[in-house]
Amino acid sequence: MSNYYATIILEALTQLTTAFAPLKSVEYYEAICRYTVEHFDFDYAFVGELDSISKSIHAVCGWSKEGAIKPFHYDVKNSPCHNTLSHSHAFYPHNVQQTFPKDTLLLEMGIEAYAGIALFNKSQEPIGVFVILNKTPFDNSSLVEHILKLYNNSLSAEMERCTSEQNTINLENIAYYDPLTKLPNRLLITDRIRQAIKNQSRKGKSVAICLMDLDGS
């Protein structure tokens, strides 16, 4: 890699550890995608989460030369992302449409070149992808590969953190809220009453509880 490209990769690493460090979740993904497009002159970059049940990718955010990309879903089957997830990375510097003729999204977007890397959790299970797309062939394969590797670990760690956080929220919702009405259940109400009694006891005060029957009888 030339000194010029080594310099811009170093600048990207600096941004990753400074300006991007306080960001979380979608804001973090978008900052990386935007920097990739604007500073390395690619047409598209996006971060996608893997739905292992339906075998699809949910592109949570991305960036293009026209601005932010709206979230979208697409099937992994017959797409270059299938090979990305199967082999941890995939690189098609040109003719990607001809290689994957059944991937209609590539045709609609006019994509000529594709580079993707799989994002893994600590158990080394694939949980997502980071993808760079171009309407023209990549003119520097080494640079593209360095960019993918540069962001791989940080994107993987953030996606795993978000997944773990969401799983915790889902478990709390199951435990404390009625699945039909989404209203707090008896367990949550009991917990809140106990907290209120404990807090007011410290102040030497009492707690009043009002019960209302809503079953229509």
N, C-alpha and C. Protein backbone atom coordinates (compact mmCIF):
# COMPACT_ATOMS: atom_id res chain seq x y z
N MET A 1 0.85 -1.19 0.00
CA MET A 1 0.00 0.00 0.00
C MET A 1 0.88 1.24 0.00
N SER A 2 0.52 2.24 -0.83
CA SER A 2 1.30 3.47 -0.94
C SER A 2 1.22 4.28 0.34
N ASN A 3 2.15 5.23 0.47
CA ASN A 3 2.15 6.10 1.65
C ASN A 3 0.86 6.91 1.75
N TYR A 4 0.32 7.27 0.58
CA TYR A 4 -0.93 8.05 0.57
C TYR A 4 -2.07 7.26 1.20
N TYR A 5 -2.25 6.01 0.75
CA TYR A 5 -3.33 5.20 1.28
C TYR A 5 -3.09 4.81 2.73
N ALA A 6 -1.83 4.62 3.09
CA ALA A 6 -1.50 4.31 4.48
C ALA A 6 -1.90 5.48 5.38
N THR A 7 -1.72 6.69 4.86
CA THR A 7 -2.06 7.89 5.62
C THR A 7 -3.57 8.01 5.84
N ILE A 8 -4.36 7.77 4.79
CA ILE A 8 -5.80 7.93 4.93
C ILE A 8 -6.40 6.80 5.77
N ILE A 9 -5.78 5.64 5.75
CA ILE A 9 -6.23 4.55 6.63
C ILE A 9 -5.95 4.93 8.09
N LEU A 10 -4.79 5.53 8.33
CA LEU A 10 -4.44 5.98 9.68
C LEU A 10 -5.42 7.05 10.15
N GLU A 11 -5.81 7.95 9.25
CA GLU A 11 -6.78 8.99 9.60
C GLU A 11 -8.13 8.37 9.95
N ALA A 12 -8.51 7.33 9.21
CA ALA A 12 -9.77 6.64 9.49
C ALA A 12 -9.73 5.96 10.86
N LEU A 13 -8.59 5.38 11.19
CA LEU A 13 -8.42 4.73 12.51
C LEU A 13 -8.51 5.76 13.62
N THR A 14 -7.94 6.93 13.39
CA THR A 14 -8.01 8.01 14.38
C THR A 14 -9.45 8.44 14.62
N GLN A 15 -10.22 8.57 13.54
CA GLN A 15 -11.64 8.93 13.67
C GLN A 15 -12.40 7.87 14.45
N LEU A 16 -12.06 6.62 14.19
CA LEU A 16 -12.73 5.50 14.85
C LEU A 16 -12.53 5.53 16.36
N THR A 17 -11.35 5.90 16.79
CA THR A 17 -11.02 5.88 18.22
C THR A 17 -11.27 7.21 18.92
N THR A 18 -11.65 8.23 18.17
CA THR A 18 -11.92 9.54 18.78
C THR A 18 -13.36 9.99 18.53
N ALA A 19 -13.63 10.51 17.32
CA ALA A 19 -14.94 11.08 17.02
C ALA A 19 -16.06 10.05 17.09
N PHE A 20 -15.79 8.80 16.67
CA PHE A 20 -16.85 7.79 16.64
C PHE A 20 -17.03 7.08 17.98
N ALA A 21 -16.02 7.12 18.83
CA ALA A 21 -16.03 6.34 20.07
C ALA A 21 -17.26 6.59 20.97
N PRO A 22 -17.73 7.85 21.12
CA PRO A 22 -18.88 8.07 22.01
C PRO A 22 -20.22 7.62 21.42
N LEU A 23 -20.26 7.33 20.13
CA LEU A 23 -21.51 6.99 19.46
C LEU A 23 -21.92 5.56 19.75
N LYS A 24 -23.23 5.31 19.65
CA LYS A 24 -23.77 3.99 19.92
C LYS A 24 -24.73 3.57 18.82
N SER A 25 -24.86 2.27 18.65
CA SER A 25 -25.87 1.67 17.80
C SER A 25 -25.89 2.27 16.39
N VAL A 26 -27.07 2.69 15.92
CA VAL A 26 -27.24 3.15 14.54
C VAL A 26 -26.37 4.37 14.25
N GLU A 27 -26.22 5.26 15.21
CA GLU A 27 -25.38 6.44 15.00
C GLU A 27 -23.93 6.04 14.74
N TYR A 28 -23.48 5.02 15.42
CA TYR A 28 -22.11 4.51 15.24
C TYR A 28 -21.96 3.88 13.86
N TYR A 29 -22.91 3.04 13.48
CA TYR A 29 -22.86 2.42 12.16
C TYR A 29 -22.87 3.47 11.06
N GLU A 30 -23.77 4.45 11.21
CA GLU A 30 -23.91 5.46 10.17
C GLU A 30 -22.66 6.32 10.03
N ALA A 31 -22.02 6.64 11.14
CA ALA A 31 -20.80 7.44 11.10
C ALA A 31 -19.71 6.72 10.30
N ILE A 32 -19.59 5.42 10.51
CA ILE A 32 -18.58 4.63 9.78
C ILE A 32 -18.93 4.55 8.30
N CYS A 33 -20.20 4.29 7.99
CA CYS A 33 -20.62 4.21 6.59
C CYS A 33 -20.42 5.54 5.87
N ARG A 34 -20.78 6.61 6.55
CA ARG A 34 -20.64 7.94 5.93
C ARG A 34 -19.17 8.27 5.68
N TYR A 35 -18.34 7.99 6.64
CA TYR A 35 -16.91 8.28 6.48
C TYR A 35 -16.34 7.44 5.33
N THR A 36 -16.76 6.18 5.23
CA THR A 36 -16.27 5.30 4.19
C THR A 36 -16.62 5.83 2.81
N VAL A 37 -17.84 6.30 2.64
CA VAL A 37 -18.28 6.83 1.34
C VAL A 37 -17.61 8.16 1.02
N GLU A 38 -17.62 9.07 1.99
CA GLU A 38 -17.16 10.43 1.71
C GLU A 38 -15.64 10.55 1.62
N HIS A 39 -14.91 9.76 2.38
CA HIS A 39 -13.45 9.91 2.41
C HIS A 39 -12.71 8.92 1.52
N PHE A 40 -13.40 7.84 1.12
CA PHE A 40 -12.74 6.88 0.23
C PHE A 40 -13.40 6.83 -1.15
N ASP A 41 -14.41 7.68 -1.34
CA ASP A 41 -15.05 7.85 -2.64
C ASP A 41 -15.69 6.58 -3.18
N PHE A 42 -16.44 5.88 -2.32
CA PHE A 42 -17.25 4.75 -2.77
C PHE A 42 -18.69 5.22 -2.94
N ASP A 43 -19.49 4.42 -3.63
CA ASP A 43 -20.88 4.83 -3.88
C ASP A 43 -21.81 4.50 -2.72
N TYR A 44 -21.59 3.33 -2.09
CA TYR A 44 -22.46 2.92 -1.00
C TYR A 44 -21.65 2.18 0.07
N ALA A 45 -22.13 2.28 1.30
CA ALA A 45 -21.64 1.45 2.40
C ALA A 45 -22.80 1.25 3.36
N PHE A 46 -22.97 0.03 3.84
CA PHE A 46 -24.05 -0.20 4.80
C PHE A 46 -23.68 -1.29 5.79
N VAL A 47 -24.37 -1.27 6.93
CA VAL A 47 -24.22 -2.28 7.97
C VAL A 47 -25.55 -3.01 8.08
N GLY A 48 -25.50 -4.34 8.03
CA GLY A 48 -26.71 -5.14 8.09
C GLY A 48 -26.67 -6.17 9.20
N GLU A 49 -27.82 -6.41 9.82
CA GLU A 49 -27.95 -7.44 10.84
C GLU A 49 -28.51 -8.71 10.21
N LEU A 50 -28.00 -9.84 10.62
CA LEU A 50 -28.45 -11.12 10.09
C LEU A 50 -29.65 -11.63 10.87
N ASP A 51 -30.71 -11.98 10.14
CA ASP A 51 -31.85 -12.69 10.72
C ASP A 51 -31.63 -14.17 10.41
N SER A 52 -31.10 -14.89 11.38
CA SER A 52 -30.72 -16.27 11.15
C SER A 52 -31.92 -17.18 10.90
N ILE A 53 -33.12 -16.77 11.32
CA ILE A 53 -34.31 -17.58 11.14
C ILE A 53 -34.80 -17.52 9.69
N SER A 54 -34.93 -16.31 9.17
CA SER A 54 -35.44 -16.15 7.80
C SER A 54 -34.32 -16.08 6.76
N LYS A 55 -33.08 -16.13 7.24
CA LYS A 55 -31.93 -16.07 6.33
C LYS A 55 -31.95 -14.80 5.48
N SER A 56 -32.18 -13.69 6.14
CA SER A 56 -32.21 -12.41 5.45
C SER A 56 -31.33 -11.41 6.18
N ILE A 57 -31.05 -10.32 5.50
CA ILE A 57 -30.27 -9.23 6.08
C ILE A 57 -31.17 -8.01 6.26
N HIS A 58 -31.11 -7.43 7.45
CA HIS A 58 -31.78 -6.15 7.69
C HIS A 58 -30.71 -5.08 7.71
N ALA A 59 -30.66 -4.29 6.64
CA ALA A 59 -29.69 -3.19 6.57
C ALA A 59 -30.18 -2.08 7.48
N VAL A 60 -29.58 -1.99 8.67
CA VAL A 60 -30.08 -1.04 9.67
C VAL A 60 -29.76 0.40 9.31
N CYS A 61 -28.67 0.61 8.59
CA CYS A 61 -28.35 1.96 8.13
C CYS A 61 -27.23 1.89 7.11
N GLY A 62 -27.04 2.98 6.41
CA GLY A 62 -25.97 3.05 5.43
C GLY A 62 -25.84 4.46 4.89
N TRP A 63 -24.92 4.61 3.96
CA TRP A 63 -24.68 5.94 3.38
C TRP A 63 -24.36 5.80 1.90
N SER A 64 -24.80 6.76 1.11
CA SER A 64 -24.48 6.82 -0.31
C SER A 64 -24.01 8.23 -0.64
N LYS A 65 -23.64 8.45 -1.87
CA LYS A 65 -23.21 9.79 -2.27
C LYS A 65 -24.37 10.78 -2.24
N GLU A 66 -25.60 10.26 -2.18
CA GLU A 66 -26.78 11.12 -2.09
C GLU A 66 -27.21 11.35 -0.64
N GLY A 67 -26.59 10.65 0.29
CA GLY A 67 -26.95 10.82 1.70
C GLY A 67 -27.28 9.50 2.36
N ALA A 68 -28.04 9.59 3.46
CA ALA A 68 -28.36 8.41 4.26
C ALA A 68 -29.25 7.44 3.48
N ILE A 69 -29.03 6.14 3.71
CA ILE A 69 -29.83 5.09 3.11
C ILE A 69 -30.89 4.64 4.10
N LYS A 70 -32.13 4.54 3.64
CA LYS A 70 -33.20 4.07 4.51
C LYS A 70 -33.02 2.57 4.78
N PRO A 71 -33.38 2.10 5.98
CA PRO A 71 -33.27 0.67 6.29
C PRO A 71 -34.07 -0.18 5.29
N PHE A 72 -33.55 -1.36 4.98
CA PHE A 72 -34.24 -2.25 4.06
C PHE A 72 -33.88 -3.70 4.37
N HIS A 73 -34.69 -4.63 3.86
CA HIS A 73 -34.46 -6.07 4.03
C HIS A 73 -34.18 -6.70 2.67
N TYR A 74 -33.39 -7.76 2.66
CA TYR A 74 -33.25 -8.55 1.44
C TYR A 74 -32.77 -9.95 1.78
N ASP A 75 -33.12 -10.91 0.91
CA ASP A 75 -32.76 -12.30 1.13
C ASP A 75 -31.27 -12.51 0.87
N VAL A 76 -30.67 -13.32 1.73
CA VAL A 76 -29.25 -13.64 1.57
C VAL A 76 -29.04 -14.57 0.38
N LYS A 77 -30.00 -15.45 0.13
CA LYS A 77 -29.88 -16.43 -0.94
C LYS A 77 -29.65 -15.75 -2.30
N ASN A 78 -28.73 -16.30 -3.07
CA ASN A 78 -28.41 -15.81 -4.42
C ASN A 78 -27.80 -14.41 -4.43
N SER A 79 -27.27 -13.97 -3.28
CA SER A 79 -26.63 -12.67 -3.21
C SER A 79 -25.17 -12.83 -2.77
N PRO A 80 -24.32 -11.86 -3.05
CA PRO A 80 -22.93 -11.97 -2.59
C PRO A 80 -22.79 -12.01 -1.08
N CYS A 81 -23.81 -11.54 -0.36
CA CYS A 81 -23.75 -11.60 1.10
C CYS A 81 -23.80 -13.04 1.61
N HIS A 82 -24.36 -13.92 0.81
CA HIS A 82 -24.37 -15.34 1.18
C HIS A 82 -22.93 -15.84 1.30
N ASN A 83 -22.10 -15.50 0.33
CA ASN A 83 -20.70 -15.90 0.38
C ASN A 83 -19.94 -15.16 1.47
N THR A 84 -20.32 -13.93 1.73
CA THR A 84 -19.69 -13.17 2.81
C THR A 84 -19.89 -13.88 4.14
N LEU A 85 -21.11 -14.31 4.40
CA LEU A 85 -21.41 -14.99 5.66
C LEU A 85 -20.82 -16.39 5.70
N SER A 86 -20.74 -17.05 4.56
CA SER A 86 -20.22 -18.42 4.51
C SER A 86 -18.71 -18.48 4.66
N HIS A 87 -18.02 -17.47 4.12
CA HIS A 87 -16.55 -17.50 4.08
C HIS A 87 -15.91 -16.36 4.88
N SER A 88 -16.71 -15.66 5.66
CA SER A 88 -16.30 -14.53 6.51
C SER A 88 -16.02 -13.25 5.73
N HIS A 89 -15.82 -13.36 4.43
CA HIS A 89 -15.67 -12.17 3.59
C HIS A 89 -15.90 -12.55 2.13
N ALA A 90 -16.17 -11.57 1.30
CA ALA A 90 -16.33 -11.79 -0.14
C ALA A 90 -15.91 -10.53 -0.87
N PHE A 91 -15.26 -10.72 -2.02
CA PHE A 91 -14.73 -9.58 -2.76
C PHE A 91 -14.92 -9.80 -4.25
N TYR A 92 -15.68 -8.89 -4.86
CA TYR A 92 -15.93 -8.95 -6.30
C TYR A 92 -15.62 -7.56 -6.87
N PRO A 93 -14.39 -7.34 -7.32
CA PRO A 93 -13.98 -6.01 -7.76
C PRO A 93 -14.64 -5.53 -9.04
N HIS A 94 -15.31 -6.45 -9.77
CA HIS A 94 -16.01 -6.07 -11.00
C HIS A 94 -16.98 -7.20 -11.38
N ASN A 95 -17.92 -6.88 -12.25
CA ASN A 95 -18.87 -7.86 -12.80
C ASN A 95 -19.68 -8.61 -11.73
N VAL A 96 -19.99 -7.98 -10.63
CA VAL A 96 -20.74 -8.69 -9.58
C VAL A 96 -22.18 -9.01 -10.03
N GLN A 97 -22.75 -8.16 -10.89
CA GLN A 97 -24.10 -8.45 -11.40
C GLN A 97 -24.12 -9.73 -12.21
N GLN A 98 -23.10 -9.93 -13.04
CA GLN A 98 -23.03 -11.13 -13.85
C GLN A 98 -22.79 -12.37 -13.00
N THR A 99 -22.08 -12.19 -11.88
CA THR A 99 -21.79 -13.31 -10.98
C THR A 99 -23.03 -13.72 -10.20
N PHE A 100 -23.89 -12.74 -9.89
CA PHE A 100 -25.13 -13.02 -9.12
C PHE A 100 -26.33 -12.45 -9.89
N PRO A 101 -26.70 -13.09 -10.99
CA PRO A 101 -27.78 -12.55 -11.84
C PRO A 101 -29.16 -12.55 -11.18
N LYS A 102 -29.35 -13.36 -10.13
CA LYS A 102 -30.65 -13.42 -9.47
C LYS A 102 -30.79 -12.37 -8.37
N ASP A 103 -29.72 -11.63 -8.09
CA ASP A 103 -29.78 -10.57 -7.09
C ASP A 103 -30.30 -9.30 -7.77
N THR A 104 -31.60 -9.10 -7.73
CA THR A 104 -32.21 -7.97 -8.44
C THR A 104 -31.81 -6.62 -7.85
N LEU A 105 -31.44 -6.62 -6.56
CA LEU A 105 -31.06 -5.36 -5.92
C LEU A 105 -29.79 -4.80 -6.55
N LEU A 106 -28.84 -5.67 -6.88
CA LEU A 106 -27.62 -5.22 -7.55
C LEU A 106 -27.94 -4.54 -8.87
N LEU A 107 -28.89 -5.13 -9.61
CA LEU A 107 -29.28 -4.57 -10.90
C LEU A 107 -29.97 -3.23 -10.73
N GLU A 108 -30.90 -3.17 -9.78
CA GLU A 108 -31.64 -1.92 -9.54
C GLU A 108 -30.72 -0.78 -9.13
N MET A 109 -29.68 -1.10 -8.36
CA MET A 109 -28.76 -0.06 -7.88
C MET A 109 -27.62 0.21 -8.85
N GLY A 110 -27.51 -0.62 -9.88
CA GLY A 110 -26.44 -0.44 -10.86
C GLY A 110 -25.07 -0.76 -10.30
N ILE A 111 -24.99 -1.80 -9.48
CA ILE A 111 -23.74 -2.12 -8.80
C ILE A 111 -22.81 -2.96 -9.68
N GLU A 112 -21.57 -2.57 -9.75
CA GLU A 112 -20.55 -3.27 -10.51
C GLU A 112 -19.56 -4.00 -9.62
N ALA A 113 -19.30 -3.45 -8.41
CA ALA A 113 -18.29 -4.03 -7.51
C ALA A 113 -18.86 -4.18 -6.11
N TYR A 114 -18.46 -5.27 -5.45
CA TYR A 114 -18.96 -5.59 -4.10
C TYR A 114 -17.81 -6.05 -3.23
N ALA A 115 -17.82 -5.58 -1.98
CA ALA A 115 -16.87 -6.08 -0.98
C ALA A 115 -17.61 -6.14 0.35
N GLY A 116 -17.55 -7.29 1.00
CA GLY A 116 -18.25 -7.44 2.27
C GLY A 116 -17.46 -8.27 3.25
N ILE A 117 -17.68 -7.99 4.53
CA ILE A 117 -17.04 -8.77 5.59
C ILE A 117 -18.09 -9.11 6.64
N ALA A 118 -18.03 -10.34 7.16
CA ALA A 118 -19.00 -10.78 8.15
C ALA A 118 -18.64 -10.25 9.53
N LEU A 119 -19.67 -9.94 10.30
CA LEU A 119 -19.50 -9.50 11.68
C LEU A 119 -19.85 -10.69 12.58
N PHE A 120 -19.01 -10.96 13.57
CA PHE A 120 -19.18 -12.13 14.43
C PHE A 120 -19.34 -11.73 15.89
N ASN A 121 -20.05 -12.57 16.65
CA ASN A 121 -20.11 -12.38 18.09
C ASN A 121 -18.94 -13.14 18.74
N LYS A 122 -18.90 -13.13 20.06
CA LYS A 122 -17.78 -13.76 20.76
C LYS A 122 -17.73 -15.27 20.57
N SER A 123 -18.86 -15.86 20.22
CA SER A 123 -18.92 -17.30 19.97
C SER A 123 -18.57 -17.64 18.53
N GLN A 124 -18.14 -16.60 17.79
CA GLN A 124 -17.76 -16.75 16.38
C GLN A 124 -18.94 -17.18 15.51
N GLU A 125 -20.12 -16.69 15.88
CA GLU A 125 -21.30 -16.90 15.06
C GLU A 125 -21.57 -15.61 14.27
N PRO A 126 -21.87 -15.71 12.98
CA PRO A 126 -22.13 -14.50 12.19
C PRO A 126 -23.40 -13.81 12.65
N ILE A 127 -23.32 -12.50 12.83
CA ILE A 127 -24.49 -11.73 13.28
C ILE A 127 -24.82 -10.58 12.33
N GLY A 128 -23.95 -10.32 11.35
CA GLY A 128 -24.21 -9.23 10.43
C GLY A 128 -23.14 -9.09 9.38
N VAL A 129 -23.23 -8.01 8.62
CA VAL A 129 -22.26 -7.75 7.54
C VAL A 129 -21.96 -6.25 7.46
N PHE A 130 -20.78 -5.95 6.97
CA PHE A 130 -20.42 -4.59 6.58
C PHE A 130 -20.07 -4.65 5.10
N VAL A 131 -20.75 -3.85 4.29
CA VAL A 131 -20.64 -3.98 2.83
C VAL A 131 -20.30 -2.63 2.19
N ILE A 132 -19.43 -2.69 1.18
CA ILE A 132 -19.09 -1.54 0.34
C ILE A 132 -19.48 -1.87 -1.09
N LEU A 133 -20.19 -0.95 -1.75
CA LEU A 133 -20.66 -1.17 -3.12
C LEU A 133 -20.22 -0.02 -4.01
N ASN A 134 -19.94 -0.35 -5.27
CA ASN A 134 -19.53 0.66 -6.23
C ASN A 134 -20.23 0.45 -7.56
N LYS A 135 -20.54 1.54 -8.25
CA LYS A 135 -21.13 1.47 -9.58
C LYS A 135 -20.07 1.28 -10.66
N THR A 136 -18.83 1.40 -10.28
CA THR A 136 -17.69 1.15 -11.17
C THR A 136 -16.76 0.15 -10.49
N PRO A 137 -15.88 -0.51 -11.24
CA PRO A 137 -14.95 -1.46 -10.63
C PRO A 137 -14.07 -0.80 -9.58
N PHE A 138 -13.71 -1.55 -8.56
CA PHE A 138 -12.76 -1.05 -7.57
C PHE A 138 -11.40 -0.88 -8.24
N ASP A 139 -10.80 0.28 -8.04
CA ASP A 139 -9.49 0.51 -8.66
C ASP A 139 -8.33 0.25 -7.71
N ASN A 140 -8.65 -0.08 -6.44
CA ASN A 140 -7.59 -0.40 -5.48
C ASN A 140 -8.11 -1.46 -4.51
N SER A 141 -7.91 -2.71 -4.87
CA SER A 141 -8.43 -3.82 -4.08
C SER A 141 -7.82 -3.84 -2.68
N SER A 142 -6.55 -3.51 -2.59
CA SER A 142 -5.87 -3.54 -1.29
C SER A 142 -6.49 -2.54 -0.32
N LEU A 143 -6.83 -1.36 -0.82
CA LEU A 143 -7.44 -0.34 0.03
C LEU A 143 -8.79 -0.82 0.56
N VAL A 144 -9.61 -1.41 -0.31
CA VAL A 144 -10.93 -1.89 0.09
C VAL A 144 -10.80 -2.93 1.19
N GLU A 145 -9.88 -3.86 1.02
CA GLU A 145 -9.68 -4.91 2.02
C GLU A 145 -9.23 -4.34 3.35
N HIS A 146 -8.37 -3.33 3.32
CA HIS A 146 -7.90 -2.70 4.55
C HIS A 146 -9.04 -1.99 5.28
N ILE A 147 -9.94 -1.37 4.52
CA ILE A 147 -11.07 -0.67 5.14
C ILE A 147 -12.00 -1.66 5.84
N LEU A 148 -12.28 -2.77 5.18
CA LEU A 148 -13.14 -3.78 5.79
C LEU A 148 -12.54 -4.32 7.09
N LYS A 149 -11.26 -4.61 7.05
CA LYS A 149 -10.59 -5.14 8.24
C LYS A 149 -10.51 -4.09 9.35
N LEU A 150 -10.35 -2.83 8.95
CA LEU A 150 -10.23 -1.75 9.93
C LEU A 150 -11.47 -1.66 10.81
N TYR A 151 -12.66 -1.80 10.21
CA TYR A 151 -13.90 -1.61 10.95
C TYR A 151 -14.52 -2.90 11.47
N ASN A 152 -13.99 -4.03 11.07
CA ASN A 152 -14.61 -5.31 11.38
C ASN A 152 -14.81 -5.55 12.88
N ASN A 153 -13.76 -5.44 13.66
CA ASN A 153 -13.84 -5.75 15.10
C ASN A 153 -14.75 -4.78 15.84
N SER A 154 -14.64 -3.51 15.53
CA SER A 154 -15.44 -2.51 16.25
C SER A 154 -16.92 -2.64 15.91
N LEU A 155 -17.24 -2.91 14.64
CA LEU A 155 -18.64 -3.10 14.26
C LEU A 155 -19.21 -4.38 14.88
N SER A 156 -18.41 -5.43 14.90
CA SER A 156 -18.85 -6.69 15.51
C SER A 156 -19.15 -6.50 16.99
N ALA A 157 -18.26 -5.81 17.69
CA ALA A 157 -18.44 -5.60 19.13
C ALA A 157 -19.69 -4.76 19.41
N GLU A 158 -19.91 -3.72 18.61
CA GLU A 158 -21.08 -2.86 18.84
C GLU A 158 -22.37 -3.60 18.51
N MET A 159 -22.38 -4.40 17.45
CA MET A 159 -23.59 -5.14 17.10
C MET A 159 -23.91 -6.17 18.17
N GLU A 160 -22.89 -6.83 18.72
CA GLU A 160 -23.13 -7.81 19.79
C GLU A 160 -23.65 -7.11 21.04
N ARG A 161 -23.11 -5.92 21.34
CA ARG A 161 -23.59 -5.16 22.50
C ARG A 161 -25.06 -4.79 22.32
N CYS A 162 -25.42 -4.33 21.13
CA CYS A 162 -26.80 -3.95 20.86
C CYS A 162 -27.74 -5.14 20.95
N THR A 163 -27.28 -6.28 20.43
CA THR A 163 -28.09 -7.50 20.47
C THR A 163 -28.33 -7.94 21.90
N SER A 164 -27.28 -7.90 22.71
CA SER A 164 -27.40 -8.29 24.11
C SER A 164 -28.33 -7.34 24.86
N GLU A 165 -28.22 -6.06 24.57
CA GLU A 165 -29.07 -5.06 25.22
C GLU A 165 -30.53 -5.27 24.84
N GLN A 166 -30.78 -5.57 23.56
CA GLN A 166 -32.14 -5.79 23.10
C GLN A 166 -32.72 -7.06 23.70
N ASN A 167 -31.89 -8.10 23.83
CA ASN A 167 -32.36 -9.35 24.45
C ASN A 167 -32.77 -9.12 25.90
N THR A 168 -32.00 -8.28 26.61
CA THR A 168 -32.35 -7.96 28.00
C THR A 168 -33.69 -7.23 28.07
N ILE A 169 -33.89 -6.29 27.15
CA ILE A 169 -35.15 -5.55 27.10
C ILE A 169 -36.31 -6.49 26.80
N ASN A 170 -36.10 -7.42 25.86
CA ASN A 170 -37.16 -8.36 25.50
C ASN A 170 -37.53 -9.26 26.68
N LEU A 171 -36.51 -9.70 27.44
CA LEU A 171 -36.78 -10.55 28.59
C LEU A 171 -37.54 -9.79 29.67
N GLU A 172 -37.19 -8.52 29.86
CA GLU A 172 -37.90 -7.70 30.85
C GLU A 172 -39.34 -7.48 30.43
N ASN A 173 -39.55 -7.29 29.12
CA ASN A 173 -40.92 -7.10 28.63
C ASN A 173 -41.76 -8.35 28.86
N ILE A 174 -41.15 -9.51 28.61
CA ILE A 174 -41.86 -10.77 28.82
C ILE A 174 -42.21 -10.96 30.29
N ALA A 175 -41.27 -10.58 31.17
CA ALA A 175 -41.46 -10.80 32.60
C ALA A 175 -42.45 -9.81 33.22
N TYR A 176 -42.46 -8.57 32.73
CA TYR A 176 -43.19 -7.52 33.43
C TYR A 176 -44.41 -6.95 32.70
N TYR A 177 -44.64 -7.37 31.45
CA TYR A 177 -45.76 -6.78 30.71
C TYR A 177 -46.64 -7.88 30.11
N ASP A 178 -47.95 -7.61 30.09
CA ASP A 178 -48.90 -8.55 29.51
C ASP A 178 -48.68 -8.61 28.00
N PRO A 179 -48.54 -9.80 27.43
CA PRO A 179 -48.23 -9.91 26.00
C PRO A 179 -49.35 -9.42 25.10
N LEU A 180 -50.58 -9.44 25.59
CA LEU A 180 -51.72 -9.01 24.77
C LEU A 180 -51.94 -7.51 24.85
N THR A 181 -52.06 -6.99 26.07
CA THR A 181 -52.38 -5.56 26.25
C THR A 181 -51.14 -4.67 26.32
N LYS A 182 -49.98 -5.28 26.56
CA LYS A 182 -48.71 -4.54 26.74
C LYS A 182 -48.72 -3.68 28.01
N LEU A 183 -49.70 -3.92 28.88
CA LEU A 183 -49.77 -3.19 30.14
C LEU A 183 -48.94 -3.90 31.21
N PRO A 184 -48.49 -3.15 32.23
CA PRO A 184 -47.72 -3.77 33.32
C PRO A 184 -48.51 -4.90 33.97
N ASN A 185 -47.85 -6.02 34.25
CA ASN A 185 -48.54 -7.14 34.89
C ASN A 185 -48.39 -7.07 36.41
N ARG A 186 -48.93 -8.08 37.10
CA ARG A 186 -48.93 -8.09 38.56
C ARG A 186 -47.51 -8.08 39.13
N LEU A 187 -46.59 -8.77 38.45
CA LEU A 187 -45.21 -8.84 38.93
C LEU A 187 -44.56 -7.46 38.94
N LEU A 188 -44.76 -6.70 37.87
CA LEU A 188 -44.17 -5.36 37.80
C LEU A 188 -44.82 -4.42 38.82
N ILE A 189 -46.14 -4.50 38.94
CA ILE A 189 -46.84 -3.64 39.91
C ILE A 189 -46.38 -3.94 41.33
N THR A 190 -46.24 -5.24 41.64
CA THR A 190 -45.77 -5.63 42.97
C THR A 190 -44.37 -5.09 43.22
N ASP A 191 -43.52 -5.17 42.22
CA ASP A 191 -42.15 -4.67 42.35
C ASP A 191 -42.14 -3.15 42.59
N ARG A 192 -42.97 -2.43 41.86
CA ARG A 192 -43.02 -0.97 42.01
C ARG A 192 -43.58 -0.57 43.38
N ILE A 193 -44.57 -1.33 43.86
CA ILE A 193 -45.13 -1.04 45.18
C ILE A 193 -44.08 -1.25 46.26
N ARG A 194 -43.32 -2.33 46.15
CA ARG A 194 -42.26 -2.60 47.11
C ARG A 194 -41.21 -1.50 47.10
N GLN A 195 -40.86 -1.03 45.91
CA GLN A 195 -39.89 0.06 45.82
C GLN A 195 -40.43 1.33 46.46
N ALA A 196 -41.70 1.62 46.20
CA ALA A 196 -42.32 2.83 46.77
C ALA A 196 -42.36 2.76 48.29
N ILE A 197 -42.74 1.59 48.83
CA ILE A 197 -42.79 1.43 50.28
C ILE A 197 -41.40 1.59 50.88
N LYS A 198 -40.40 1.01 50.23
CA LYS A 198 -39.03 1.09 50.72
C LYS A 198 -38.53 2.54 50.72
N ASN A 199 -38.81 3.25 49.62
CA ASN A 199 -38.35 4.64 49.51
C ASN A 199 -39.03 5.54 50.53
N GLN A 200 -40.34 5.36 50.72
CA GLN A 200 -41.07 6.21 51.65
C GLN A 200 -40.76 5.88 53.10
N SER A 201 -40.41 4.62 53.37
CA SER A 201 -40.06 4.21 54.73
C SER A 201 -38.81 4.93 55.20
N ARG A 202 -37.90 5.15 54.28
CA ARG A 202 -36.67 5.87 54.63
C ARG A 202 -36.96 7.31 55.05
N LYS A 203 -38.06 7.85 54.54
CA LYS A 203 -38.44 9.22 54.87
C LYS A 203 -39.45 9.28 56.02
N GLY A 204 -39.79 8.11 56.55
CA GLY A 204 -40.76 8.06 57.63
C GLY A 204 -42.17 8.33 57.18
N LYS A 205 -42.47 8.02 55.93
CA LYS A 205 -43.80 8.27 55.39
C LYS A 205 -44.48 6.97 54.97
N SER A 206 -45.79 7.05 54.74
CA SER A 206 -46.56 5.89 54.33
C SER A 206 -46.88 5.95 52.83
N VAL A 207 -47.36 4.84 52.32
CA VAL A 207 -47.74 4.76 50.90
C VAL A 207 -49.22 4.38 50.81
N ALA A 208 -49.97 5.10 49.99
CA ALA A 208 -51.39 4.80 49.77
C ALA A 208 -51.53 4.07 48.45
N ILE A 209 -52.34 2.99 48.45
CA ILE A 209 -52.56 2.19 47.26
C ILE A 209 -54.04 2.16 46.95
N CYS A 210 -54.39 2.50 45.73
CA CYS A 210 -55.79 2.50 45.29
C CYS A 210 -56.00 1.38 44.29
N LEU A 211 -56.99 0.51 44.52
CA LEU A 211 -57.31 -0.58 43.62
C LEU A 211 -58.63 -0.28 42.90
N MET A 212 -58.68 -0.51 41.60
CA MET A 212 -59.89 -0.25 40.82
C MET A 212 -60.25 -1.52 40.05
N ASP A 213 -61.50 -1.95 40.15
CA ASP A 213 -61.97 -3.14 39.46
C ASP A 213 -62.49 -2.75 38.07
N LEU A 214 -61.93 -3.33 37.02
CA LEU A 214 -62.29 -2.95 35.66
C LEU A 214 -62.91 -4.10 34.87
N ASP A 215 -63.38 -5.14 35.58
CA ASP A 215 -63.91 -6.29 34.86
C ASP A 215 -65.39 -6.14 34.49
N GLY A 216 -65.96 -5.00 34.82
CA GLY A 216 -67.33 -4.72 34.42
C GLY A 216 -68.41 -5.27 35.35
N SER A 217 -68.02 -5.93 36.42
CA SER A 217 -69.02 -6.52 37.34
C SER A 217 -69.43 -5.51 38.40
